[in-house]
């Protein structure tokens, strides 16, 4: 479902609008800038919510292998990119602009990212995510188990040393 209309941005400029079913503006070559969208209240974007509750607004048409995000500038893009950690990607929700959860993912991996700087200074970044393979999940579990085992061995060594010191001190 699409709605079509004309939005007067400035007194001398009319921009054709196509609004998709998510309420996002998709106007082809005449795409509106972030500033224009905010001024005209055309902002009902889907969101990606990371494990640490960071909320990132998504561009229309984003999907898991191509999450598209617009940042106001390069520094904003870097801040979003820094949030794409293994820990934050271990639990991710995708919600509509109305707050309806349409996807819940665990154990995602950031494969790559590609950024394009627009003439207005905004940065469009495509984050290419995927779910971990079964082998990667097994390796993670093995490494976690090894960490627990290493701690137990260390504790046992400390306890044995303490007992040896006590026994040696009594003779």
N, C-alpha and C. Protein backbone atom coordinates (compact mmCIF):
# COMPACT_ATOMS: atom_id res chain seq x y z
N UNK A 1 0.84 -1.18 0.00
CA UNK A 1 0.00 0.00 0.00
C UNK A 1 0.88 1.24 0.00
N UNK A 2 0.62 2.15 -0.91
CA UNK A 2 1.37 3.38 -1.01
C UNK A 2 0.42 4.56 -1.05
N UNK A 3 0.90 5.69 -0.53
CA UNK A 3 0.15 6.93 -0.64
C UNK A 3 1.02 7.90 -1.42
N UNK A 4 0.43 8.67 -2.28
CA UNK A 4 1.19 9.61 -3.09
C UNK A 4 0.67 11.00 -2.81
N UNK A 5 1.59 11.95 -2.75
CA UNK A 5 1.17 13.32 -2.50
C UNK A 5 2.27 14.29 -2.84
N UNK A 6 2.05 15.55 -2.58
CA UNK A 6 3.03 16.61 -2.81
C UNK A 6 3.24 17.31 -1.48
N UNK A 7 4.48 17.52 -1.13
CA UNK A 7 4.81 18.23 0.11
C UNK A 7 5.57 19.50 -0.27
N UNK A 8 5.11 20.65 0.16
CA UNK A 8 5.77 21.91 -0.11
C UNK A 8 6.88 22.08 0.93
N UNK A 9 8.13 22.01 0.49
CA UNK A 9 9.26 22.13 1.41
C UNK A 9 9.61 23.60 1.62
N UNK A 10 9.75 24.32 0.53
CA UNK A 10 9.97 25.76 0.58
C UNK A 10 8.93 26.38 -0.34
N UNK A 11 8.79 27.67 -0.28
CA UNK A 11 7.74 28.30 -1.07
C UNK A 11 7.90 28.05 -2.56
N UNK A 12 9.12 27.82 -3.04
CA UNK A 12 9.35 27.63 -4.46
C UNK A 12 9.65 26.19 -4.84
N UNK A 13 9.49 25.25 -3.89
CA UNK A 13 9.89 23.87 -4.16
C UNK A 13 8.81 22.89 -3.72
N UNK A 14 8.31 22.11 -4.65
CA UNK A 14 7.35 21.06 -4.33
C UNK A 14 8.02 19.72 -4.64
N UNK A 15 7.95 18.78 -3.71
CA UNK A 15 8.59 17.48 -3.88
C UNK A 15 7.52 16.41 -3.86
N UNK A 16 7.48 15.57 -4.91
CA UNK A 16 6.51 14.48 -4.90
C UNK A 16 6.87 13.46 -3.82
N UNK A 17 5.87 12.96 -3.13
CA UNK A 17 6.11 11.99 -2.06
C UNK A 17 5.41 10.69 -2.36
N UNK A 18 6.07 9.60 -2.04
CA UNK A 18 5.45 8.28 -2.03
C UNK A 18 5.70 7.73 -0.63
N UNK A 19 4.63 7.43 0.09
CA UNK A 19 4.74 6.93 1.45
C UNK A 19 4.37 5.44 1.42
N UNK A 20 5.28 4.58 1.93
CA UNK A 20 4.97 3.15 1.93
C UNK A 20 4.11 2.79 3.12
N UNK A 21 3.77 1.51 3.25
CA UNK A 21 2.86 1.07 4.30
C UNK A 21 3.44 1.25 5.70
N UNK A 22 4.76 1.45 5.79
CA UNK A 22 5.38 1.68 7.10
C UNK A 22 5.40 3.16 7.45
N UNK A 23 4.91 3.99 6.58
CA UNK A 23 4.91 5.43 6.84
C UNK A 23 6.22 6.10 6.47
N UNK A 24 7.10 5.40 5.74
CA UNK A 24 8.38 5.96 5.33
C UNK A 24 8.26 6.59 3.96
N UNK A 25 8.97 7.68 3.75
CA UNK A 25 8.96 8.36 2.47
C UNK A 25 9.94 7.66 1.53
N UNK A 26 9.46 7.25 0.37
CA UNK A 26 10.33 6.67 -0.64
C UNK A 26 10.01 7.41 -1.93
N UNK A 27 10.77 8.44 -2.25
CA UNK A 27 10.41 9.30 -3.36
C UNK A 27 11.42 9.26 -4.49
N UNK A 28 12.07 8.13 -4.71
CA UNK A 28 12.96 7.96 -5.85
C UNK A 28 14.09 8.95 -5.87
N UNK A 29 14.31 9.57 -7.02
CA UNK A 29 15.44 10.49 -7.19
C UNK A 29 15.30 11.74 -6.33
N UNK A 30 14.10 12.11 -5.97
CA UNK A 30 13.86 13.31 -5.18
C UNK A 30 13.78 12.98 -3.69
N UNK A 31 14.62 12.06 -3.21
CA UNK A 31 14.57 11.62 -1.82
C UNK A 31 14.78 12.81 -0.87
N UNK A 32 13.97 12.86 0.16
CA UNK A 32 14.06 13.94 1.14
C UNK A 32 15.25 13.73 2.06
N UNK A 33 15.86 14.81 2.51
CA UNK A 33 16.94 14.71 3.48
C UNK A 33 16.35 14.45 4.86
N UNK A 34 17.19 14.01 5.79
CA UNK A 34 16.75 13.76 7.16
C UNK A 34 16.13 15.03 7.74
N UNK A 35 16.78 16.16 7.52
CA UNK A 35 16.29 17.42 8.07
C UNK A 35 14.89 17.73 7.53
N UNK A 36 14.69 17.53 6.22
CA UNK A 36 13.38 17.79 5.64
C UNK A 36 12.33 16.84 6.19
N UNK A 37 12.69 15.57 6.38
CA UNK A 37 11.74 14.61 6.93
C UNK A 37 11.33 15.02 8.34
N UNK A 38 12.29 15.41 9.16
CA UNK A 38 11.98 15.79 10.53
C UNK A 38 11.10 17.03 10.56
N UNK A 39 11.43 18.00 9.71
CA UNK A 39 10.64 19.23 9.67
C UNK A 39 9.21 18.94 9.25
N UNK A 40 9.02 17.95 8.40
CA UNK A 40 7.70 17.64 7.88
C UNK A 40 7.04 16.46 8.58
N UNK A 41 7.65 16.02 9.66
CA UNK A 41 7.09 14.96 10.51
C UNK A 41 6.81 13.66 9.74
N UNK A 42 7.69 13.35 8.78
CA UNK A 42 7.56 12.11 8.04
C UNK A 42 8.57 11.14 8.64
N UNK A 43 8.42 10.82 9.91
CA UNK A 43 9.39 9.99 10.62
C UNK A 43 8.66 8.92 11.43
N UNK A 44 8.45 7.80 10.86
CA UNK A 44 7.86 6.69 11.59
C UNK A 44 8.66 5.45 11.21
N UNK A 45 9.96 5.48 11.50
CA UNK A 45 10.88 4.47 11.01
C UNK A 45 10.89 3.21 11.87
N UNK A 46 11.23 2.10 11.20
CA UNK A 46 11.50 0.87 11.93
C UNK A 46 12.75 1.09 12.77
N UNK A 47 12.90 0.28 13.81
CA UNK A 47 14.02 0.44 14.73
C UNK A 47 14.70 -0.90 14.96
N UNK A 48 16.01 -0.84 15.20
CA UNK A 48 16.76 -2.00 15.64
C UNK A 48 17.18 -1.71 17.08
N UNK A 49 16.86 -2.64 17.98
CA UNK A 49 17.19 -2.46 19.39
C UNK A 49 18.24 -3.51 19.76
N UNK A 50 19.41 -3.02 20.17
CA UNK A 50 20.52 -3.90 20.52
C UNK A 50 20.40 -4.38 21.96
N UNK A 51 21.26 -5.32 22.35
CA UNK A 51 21.22 -5.91 23.68
C UNK A 51 21.30 -4.85 24.78
N UNK A 52 22.14 -3.81 24.58
CA UNK A 52 22.30 -2.78 25.61
C UNK A 52 21.19 -1.73 25.55
N UNK A 53 20.10 -2.02 24.81
CA UNK A 53 18.93 -1.15 24.63
C UNK A 53 19.19 0.07 23.77
N UNK A 54 20.30 0.10 23.05
CA UNK A 54 20.52 1.16 22.07
C UNK A 54 19.49 0.99 20.96
N UNK A 55 18.81 2.08 20.61
CA UNK A 55 17.81 2.06 19.55
C UNK A 55 18.38 2.79 18.33
N UNK A 56 18.35 2.11 17.19
CA UNK A 56 18.88 2.66 15.95
C UNK A 56 17.75 2.70 14.93
N UNK A 57 17.47 3.88 14.37
CA UNK A 57 16.41 4.02 13.36
C UNK A 57 16.89 3.48 12.04
N UNK A 58 16.04 2.70 11.37
CA UNK A 58 16.39 2.06 10.11
C UNK A 58 15.72 2.76 8.94
N UNK A 59 16.38 2.72 7.81
CA UNK A 59 15.79 3.26 6.60
C UNK A 59 14.81 2.24 6.02
N UNK A 60 13.90 2.70 5.20
CA UNK A 60 12.91 1.82 4.58
C UNK A 60 13.60 0.77 3.73
N UNK A 61 13.05 -0.42 3.74
CA UNK A 61 13.57 -1.49 2.90
C UNK A 61 14.75 -2.23 3.50
N UNK A 62 15.09 -1.95 4.75
CA UNK A 62 16.21 -2.64 5.38
C UNK A 62 15.84 -4.08 5.68
N UNK A 63 16.79 -4.96 5.56
CA UNK A 63 16.62 -6.36 5.93
C UNK A 63 17.92 -6.83 6.56
N UNK A 64 17.93 -7.99 7.19
CA UNK A 64 19.04 -8.44 8.03
C UNK A 64 20.39 -8.35 7.34
N UNK A 65 20.48 -8.77 6.10
CA UNK A 65 21.77 -8.74 5.42
C UNK A 65 22.09 -7.37 4.84
N UNK A 66 21.21 -6.41 5.04
CA UNK A 66 21.46 -5.05 4.55
C UNK A 66 20.69 -4.05 5.40
N UNK A 67 21.12 -3.89 6.65
CA UNK A 67 20.51 -2.92 7.56
C UNK A 67 21.01 -1.54 7.17
N UNK A 68 20.11 -0.65 6.76
CA UNK A 68 20.51 0.68 6.33
C UNK A 68 20.15 1.72 7.39
N UNK A 69 21.16 2.54 7.72
CA UNK A 69 21.02 3.54 8.77
C UNK A 69 21.58 4.86 8.24
N UNK A 70 20.87 5.94 8.50
CA UNK A 70 21.37 7.27 8.13
C UNK A 70 21.81 7.98 9.40
N UNK A 71 23.03 8.49 9.38
CA UNK A 71 23.57 9.30 10.49
C UNK A 71 23.69 10.74 10.01
N UNK A 72 23.56 11.67 10.93
CA UNK A 72 23.62 13.09 10.58
C UNK A 72 24.97 13.50 10.00
N UNK A 73 26.04 12.81 10.44
CA UNK A 73 27.38 13.11 9.96
C UNK A 73 28.29 11.91 10.19
N UNK A 74 29.57 12.05 9.85
CA UNK A 74 30.52 10.94 9.98
C UNK A 74 30.71 10.52 11.44
N UNK A 75 30.75 11.47 12.33
CA UNK A 75 30.92 11.15 13.75
C UNK A 75 29.74 10.33 14.26
N UNK A 76 28.54 10.68 13.83
CA UNK A 76 27.35 9.92 14.21
C UNK A 76 27.39 8.50 13.68
N UNK A 77 27.90 8.35 12.46
CA UNK A 77 28.03 7.02 11.86
C UNK A 77 28.99 6.17 12.68
N UNK A 78 30.11 6.76 13.09
CA UNK A 78 31.11 6.02 13.87
C UNK A 78 30.53 5.59 15.22
N UNK A 79 29.73 6.45 15.84
CA UNK A 79 29.11 6.09 17.13
C UNK A 79 28.17 4.90 16.97
N UNK A 80 27.41 4.87 15.90
CA UNK A 80 26.53 3.73 15.65
C UNK A 80 27.36 2.48 15.38
N UNK A 81 28.39 2.62 14.56
CA UNK A 81 29.25 1.48 14.22
C UNK A 81 29.91 0.89 15.46
N UNK A 82 30.32 1.74 16.40
CA UNK A 82 30.94 1.25 17.64
C UNK A 82 29.97 0.40 18.46
N UNK A 83 28.68 0.61 18.30
CA UNK A 83 27.66 -0.16 19.03
C UNK A 83 27.47 -1.56 18.45
N UNK A 84 28.00 -1.82 17.26
CA UNK A 84 27.83 -3.12 16.60
C UNK A 84 28.85 -4.14 17.12
N UNK A 85 28.88 -4.32 18.43
CA UNK A 85 29.81 -5.27 19.06
C UNK A 85 29.21 -6.67 19.08
N UNK A 86 30.07 -7.68 19.29
CA UNK A 86 29.57 -9.06 19.39
C UNK A 86 28.54 -9.17 20.50
N UNK A 87 28.81 -8.52 21.64
CA UNK A 87 27.88 -8.59 22.77
C UNK A 87 26.54 -7.95 22.42
N UNK A 88 26.55 -6.75 21.82
CA UNK A 88 25.30 -6.07 21.46
C UNK A 88 24.52 -6.81 20.38
N UNK A 89 25.23 -7.53 19.51
CA UNK A 89 24.57 -8.27 18.45
C UNK A 89 24.12 -9.67 18.89
N UNK A 90 24.37 -9.99 20.15
CA UNK A 90 23.95 -11.30 20.65
C UNK A 90 22.44 -11.37 20.90
N UNK A 91 21.78 -10.21 20.96
CA UNK A 91 20.33 -10.17 21.16
C UNK A 91 19.81 -8.89 20.52
N UNK A 92 19.10 -9.02 19.41
CA UNK A 92 18.65 -7.87 18.62
C UNK A 92 17.16 -8.02 18.31
N UNK A 93 16.43 -6.91 18.44
CA UNK A 93 15.02 -6.87 18.05
C UNK A 93 14.85 -5.84 16.93
N UNK A 94 13.96 -6.15 16.01
CA UNK A 94 13.56 -5.18 14.98
C UNK A 94 12.10 -4.85 15.26
N UNK A 95 11.80 -3.55 15.35
CA UNK A 95 10.44 -3.10 15.63
C UNK A 95 9.98 -2.12 14.55
N UNK A 96 8.69 -2.12 14.32
CA UNK A 96 8.11 -1.12 13.42
C UNK A 96 8.13 0.23 14.12
N UNK A 97 7.84 1.27 13.36
CA UNK A 97 7.76 2.60 13.94
C UNK A 97 6.69 2.71 15.01
N UNK A 98 5.72 1.79 14.99
CA UNK A 98 4.65 1.78 15.99
C UNK A 98 4.99 0.93 17.21
N UNK A 99 6.21 0.34 17.22
CA UNK A 99 6.64 -0.44 18.39
C UNK A 99 6.30 -1.92 18.34
N UNK A 100 5.80 -2.41 17.23
CA UNK A 100 5.49 -3.83 17.08
C UNK A 100 6.76 -4.59 16.72
N UNK A 101 7.12 -5.60 17.53
CA UNK A 101 8.32 -6.39 17.26
C UNK A 101 8.05 -7.32 16.08
N UNK A 102 8.86 -7.18 15.02
CA UNK A 102 8.68 -8.00 13.82
C UNK A 102 9.83 -8.98 13.63
N UNK A 103 10.84 -8.91 14.49
CA UNK A 103 11.95 -9.85 14.40
C UNK A 103 12.78 -9.83 15.66
N UNK A 104 13.17 -11.01 16.13
CA UNK A 104 14.07 -11.14 17.27
C UNK A 104 15.19 -12.08 16.84
N UNK A 105 16.41 -11.63 17.00
CA UNK A 105 17.57 -12.40 16.55
C UNK A 105 18.56 -12.57 17.69
N UNK A 106 19.22 -13.71 17.69
CA UNK A 106 20.31 -13.94 18.64
C UNK A 106 21.55 -14.31 17.85
N UNK A 107 22.69 -14.03 18.45
CA UNK A 107 23.98 -14.43 17.88
C UNK A 107 24.20 -13.94 16.46
N UNK A 108 24.05 -12.62 16.25
CA UNK A 108 24.34 -12.04 14.94
C UNK A 108 25.82 -11.69 14.84
N UNK A 109 26.30 -11.59 13.60
CA UNK A 109 27.68 -11.23 13.32
C UNK A 109 27.66 -10.09 12.31
N UNK A 110 28.49 -9.06 12.55
CA UNK A 110 28.66 -7.98 11.58
C UNK A 110 29.69 -8.45 10.55
N UNK A 111 29.23 -8.67 9.33
CA UNK A 111 30.11 -9.16 8.27
C UNK A 111 30.90 -8.00 7.67
N UNK A 112 30.20 -6.91 7.35
CA UNK A 112 30.85 -5.73 6.77
C UNK A 112 29.92 -4.55 6.87
N UNK A 113 30.46 -3.38 6.53
CA UNK A 113 29.65 -2.17 6.44
C UNK A 113 30.16 -1.34 5.30
N UNK A 114 29.25 -0.62 4.69
CA UNK A 114 29.59 0.26 3.58
C UNK A 114 28.89 1.58 3.83
N UNK A 115 29.64 2.68 3.70
CA UNK A 115 29.06 4.00 3.95
C UNK A 115 29.20 4.89 2.74
N UNK A 116 28.19 5.76 2.57
CA UNK A 116 28.20 6.75 1.51
C UNK A 116 27.84 8.10 2.13
N UNK A 117 28.67 9.11 1.85
CA UNK A 117 28.41 10.44 2.36
C UNK A 117 27.62 11.22 1.31
N UNK A 118 26.48 11.77 1.72
CA UNK A 118 25.63 12.55 0.83
C UNK A 118 26.14 13.99 0.75
N UNK A 119 25.74 14.73 -0.28
CA UNK A 119 26.16 16.13 -0.38
C UNK A 119 25.77 16.98 0.83
N UNK A 120 24.66 16.61 1.52
CA UNK A 120 24.24 17.38 2.69
C UNK A 120 25.01 16.97 3.96
N UNK A 121 25.96 16.03 3.83
CA UNK A 121 26.78 15.63 4.98
C UNK A 121 26.27 14.42 5.73
N UNK A 122 25.04 13.99 5.43
CA UNK A 122 24.52 12.79 6.08
C UNK A 122 25.25 11.57 5.54
N UNK A 123 25.29 10.51 6.34
CA UNK A 123 26.00 9.29 5.95
C UNK A 123 25.02 8.12 5.96
N UNK A 124 24.87 7.47 4.80
CA UNK A 124 24.06 6.27 4.69
C UNK A 124 24.99 5.08 4.82
N UNK A 125 24.75 4.25 5.84
CA UNK A 125 25.58 3.07 6.07
C UNK A 125 24.74 1.82 5.94
N UNK A 126 25.26 0.86 5.21
CA UNK A 126 24.64 -0.46 5.10
C UNK A 126 25.46 -1.43 5.94
N UNK A 127 24.82 -1.97 6.97
CA UNK A 127 25.45 -2.98 7.82
C UNK A 127 24.99 -4.34 7.35
N UNK A 128 25.95 -5.19 7.02
CA UNK A 128 25.63 -6.52 6.53
C UNK A 128 25.80 -7.49 7.70
N UNK A 129 24.65 -7.97 8.21
CA UNK A 129 24.63 -8.87 9.36
C UNK A 129 24.22 -10.27 8.91
N UNK A 130 24.59 -11.26 9.72
CA UNK A 130 24.13 -12.63 9.51
C UNK A 130 24.10 -13.32 10.86
N UNK A 131 23.34 -14.42 10.91
CA UNK A 131 23.30 -15.21 12.13
C UNK A 131 24.54 -16.11 12.17
N UNK A 132 25.05 -16.37 13.38
CA UNK A 132 26.20 -17.26 13.51
C UNK A 132 25.82 -18.65 13.01
N UNK A 133 26.81 -19.34 12.45
CA UNK A 133 26.60 -20.71 12.01
C UNK A 133 26.59 -21.63 13.22
N UNK A 134 26.11 -22.85 13.03
CA UNK A 134 26.11 -23.83 14.12
C UNK A 134 27.54 -24.09 14.62
N UNK A 135 28.50 -24.10 13.70
CA UNK A 135 29.90 -24.32 14.09
C UNK A 135 30.41 -23.18 14.97
N UNK A 136 30.06 -21.95 14.62
CA UNK A 136 30.48 -20.80 15.43
C UNK A 136 29.85 -20.85 16.82
N UNK A 137 28.59 -21.26 16.88
CA UNK A 137 27.91 -21.37 18.17
C UNK A 137 28.56 -22.46 19.03
N UNK A 138 28.91 -23.59 18.42
CA UNK A 138 29.58 -24.66 19.17
C UNK A 138 30.94 -24.22 19.66
N UNK A 139 31.69 -23.50 18.84
CA UNK A 139 33.00 -22.99 19.24
C UNK A 139 32.86 -22.01 20.40
N UNK A 140 31.86 -21.14 20.35
CA UNK A 140 31.61 -20.21 21.46
C UNK A 140 31.33 -20.96 22.75
N UNK A 141 30.50 -22.01 22.67
CA UNK A 141 30.17 -22.81 23.86
C UNK A 141 31.41 -23.52 24.38
N UNK A 142 32.24 -24.02 23.49
CA UNK A 142 33.48 -24.70 23.88
C UNK A 142 34.42 -23.73 24.58
N UNK A 143 34.57 -22.53 24.03
CA UNK A 143 35.45 -21.53 24.63
C UNK A 143 34.92 -21.10 26.00
N UNK A 144 33.62 -20.95 26.12
CA UNK A 144 33.02 -20.58 27.40
C UNK A 144 33.26 -21.69 28.43
N UNK A 145 33.07 -22.94 28.02
CA UNK A 145 33.32 -24.07 28.91
C UNK A 145 34.78 -24.15 29.31
N UNK A 146 35.67 -23.85 28.38
CA UNK A 146 37.11 -23.87 28.69
C UNK A 146 37.46 -22.80 29.70
N UNK A 147 36.84 -21.65 29.61
CA UNK A 147 37.08 -20.57 30.57
C UNK A 147 36.64 -21.00 31.97
N UNK A 148 35.49 -21.64 32.07
CA UNK A 148 35.01 -22.14 33.37
C UNK A 148 35.97 -23.19 33.90
N UNK A 149 36.40 -24.08 33.03
CA UNK A 149 37.32 -25.15 33.44
C UNK A 149 38.66 -24.56 33.88
N UNK A 150 39.18 -23.58 33.18
CA UNK A 150 40.44 -22.93 33.56
C UNK A 150 40.32 -22.31 34.95
N UNK A 151 39.18 -21.68 35.22
CA UNK A 151 38.96 -21.08 36.54
C UNK A 151 38.92 -22.13 37.63
N UNK A 152 38.26 -23.26 37.36
CA UNK A 152 38.18 -24.34 38.35
C UNK A 152 39.56 -24.94 38.62
N UNK A 153 40.36 -25.12 37.59
CA UNK A 153 41.72 -25.65 37.76
C UNK A 153 42.57 -24.69 38.57
N UNK A 154 42.43 -23.39 38.30
CA UNK A 154 43.17 -22.38 39.06
C UNK A 154 42.77 -22.41 40.53
N UNK A 155 41.45 -22.50 40.80
CA UNK A 155 40.96 -22.56 42.18
C UNK A 155 41.48 -23.81 42.88
N UNK A 156 41.49 -24.94 42.19
CA UNK A 156 41.98 -26.19 42.75
C UNK A 156 43.47 -26.09 43.06
N UNK A 157 44.21 -25.47 42.17
CA UNK A 157 45.65 -25.27 42.41
C UNK A 157 45.90 -24.40 43.63
N UNK A 158 45.12 -23.35 43.79
CA UNK A 158 45.26 -22.46 44.95
C UNK A 158 44.93 -23.20 46.23
N UNK A 159 43.85 -24.00 46.20
CA UNK A 159 43.46 -24.76 47.39
C UNK A 159 44.51 -25.79 47.75
N UNK A 160 45.08 -26.47 46.75
CA UNK A 160 46.12 -27.48 46.99
C UNK A 160 47.36 -26.82 47.58
N UNK A 161 47.72 -25.67 47.06
CA UNK A 161 48.89 -24.95 47.59
C UNK A 161 48.67 -24.52 49.03
N UNK A 162 47.46 -24.05 49.33
CA UNK A 162 47.15 -23.63 50.70
C UNK A 162 47.22 -24.82 51.65
N UNK A 163 46.69 -25.96 51.24
CA UNK A 163 46.76 -27.18 52.07
C UNK A 163 48.19 -27.63 52.26
N UNK A 164 48.97 -27.58 51.21
CA UNK A 164 50.38 -27.98 51.31
C UNK A 164 51.12 -27.08 52.27
N UNK A 165 50.82 -25.79 52.24
CA UNK A 165 51.47 -24.85 53.17
C UNK A 165 51.08 -25.16 54.61
N UNK A 166 49.80 -25.50 54.83
CA UNK A 166 49.35 -25.82 56.18
C UNK A 166 50.01 -27.11 56.69
N UNK A 167 50.06 -28.12 55.83
CA UNK A 167 50.68 -29.39 56.22
C UNK A 167 52.17 -29.20 56.45
N UNK A 168 52.82 -28.44 55.61
CA UNK A 168 54.26 -28.20 55.76
C UNK A 168 54.58 -27.39 56.99
N UNK A 169 53.70 -26.53 57.40
CA UNK A 169 53.92 -25.68 58.58
C UNK A 169 53.75 -26.45 59.89
N UNK A 170 53.01 -27.59 59.85
CA UNK A 170 52.75 -28.35 61.07
C UNK A 170 53.90 -29.27 61.43
N UNK A 171 54.79 -29.63 60.51
CA UNK A 171 55.86 -30.59 60.81
C UNK A 171 57.04 -29.94 61.44
